[in-house]
Amino acid sequence: MADERISMPASQGGLVRYYNEYKSKIQIKPIHVVAFAIAVIVLELLIRIF
């Protein structure tokens, strides 16, 4: 009796797929975020130099 295992049925278990429920109207590509960060760093370096 003790060796028998009871397994629960495979299911989602209450997991929600948020990407299906909400989609932003503003979408920014990762390359744009990286480019903006680099531009801010360069601008700050130029301000410190001058």
Protein backbone atom coordinates (compact mmCIF):
# COMPACT_ATOMS: atom_id res chain seq x y z
CA MET A 1 0.00 0.00 0.00
CA ALA A 2 2.72 2.49 0.88
CA ASP A 3 4.52 1.96 -2.45
CA GLU A 4 1.51 3.00 -4.53
CA ARG A 5 1.71 6.57 -5.77
CA ILE A 6 -1.27 8.75 -6.43
CA SER A 7 -0.72 11.28 -9.18
CA MET A 8 -2.82 14.30 -9.88
CA PRO A 9 -4.06 14.92 -13.40
CA ALA A 10 -1.83 17.19 -15.48
CA SER A 11 -3.38 20.63 -15.87
CA GLN A 12 -2.52 24.30 -15.92
CA GLY A 13 -3.05 24.53 -12.18
CA GLY A 14 -4.37 28.08 -12.22
CA LEU A 15 -1.57 29.49 -14.37
CA VAL A 16 -2.58 32.54 -16.37
CA ARG A 17 -1.07 33.49 -19.67
CA TYR A 18 -0.82 37.26 -19.33
CA TYR A 19 0.59 37.81 -22.80
CA ASN A 20 -2.73 36.68 -24.25
CA GLU A 21 -4.79 38.98 -22.06
CA TYR A 22 -2.94 42.28 -22.39
CA LYS A 23 -1.15 43.80 -25.31
CA SER A 24 0.36 47.26 -25.03
CA LYS A 25 -0.32 49.81 -27.74
CA ILE A 26 3.23 51.10 -27.41
CA GLN A 27 5.83 48.50 -28.28
CA ILE A 28 9.54 49.27 -27.97
CA LYS A 29 12.15 46.99 -29.46
CA PRO A 30 15.06 46.00 -27.18
CA ILE A 31 17.58 47.54 -29.60
CA HIS A 32 15.90 50.94 -29.15
CA VAL A 33 16.26 50.70 -25.36
CA VAL A 34 19.96 49.82 -25.68
CA ALA A 35 20.55 52.63 -28.19
CA PHE A 36 18.81 55.14 -25.90
CA ALA A 37 20.94 54.04 -22.92
CA ILE A 38 24.13 54.39 -24.97
CA ALA A 39 23.03 57.84 -26.17
CA VAL A 40 22.43 58.97 -22.58
CA ILE A 41 25.86 57.70 -21.52
CA VAL A 42 27.57 59.50 -24.41
CA LEU A 43 25.64 62.70 -23.67
CA GLU A 44 26.68 62.57 -20.02
CA LEU A 45 30.32 62.00 -20.95
CA LEU A 46 30.21 64.99 -23.33
CA ILE A 47 28.70 67.18 -20.60
CA ARG A 48 31.44 66.19 -18.16
CA ILE A 49 34.19 66.89 -20.72
CA PHE A 50 32.93 70.38 -21.64
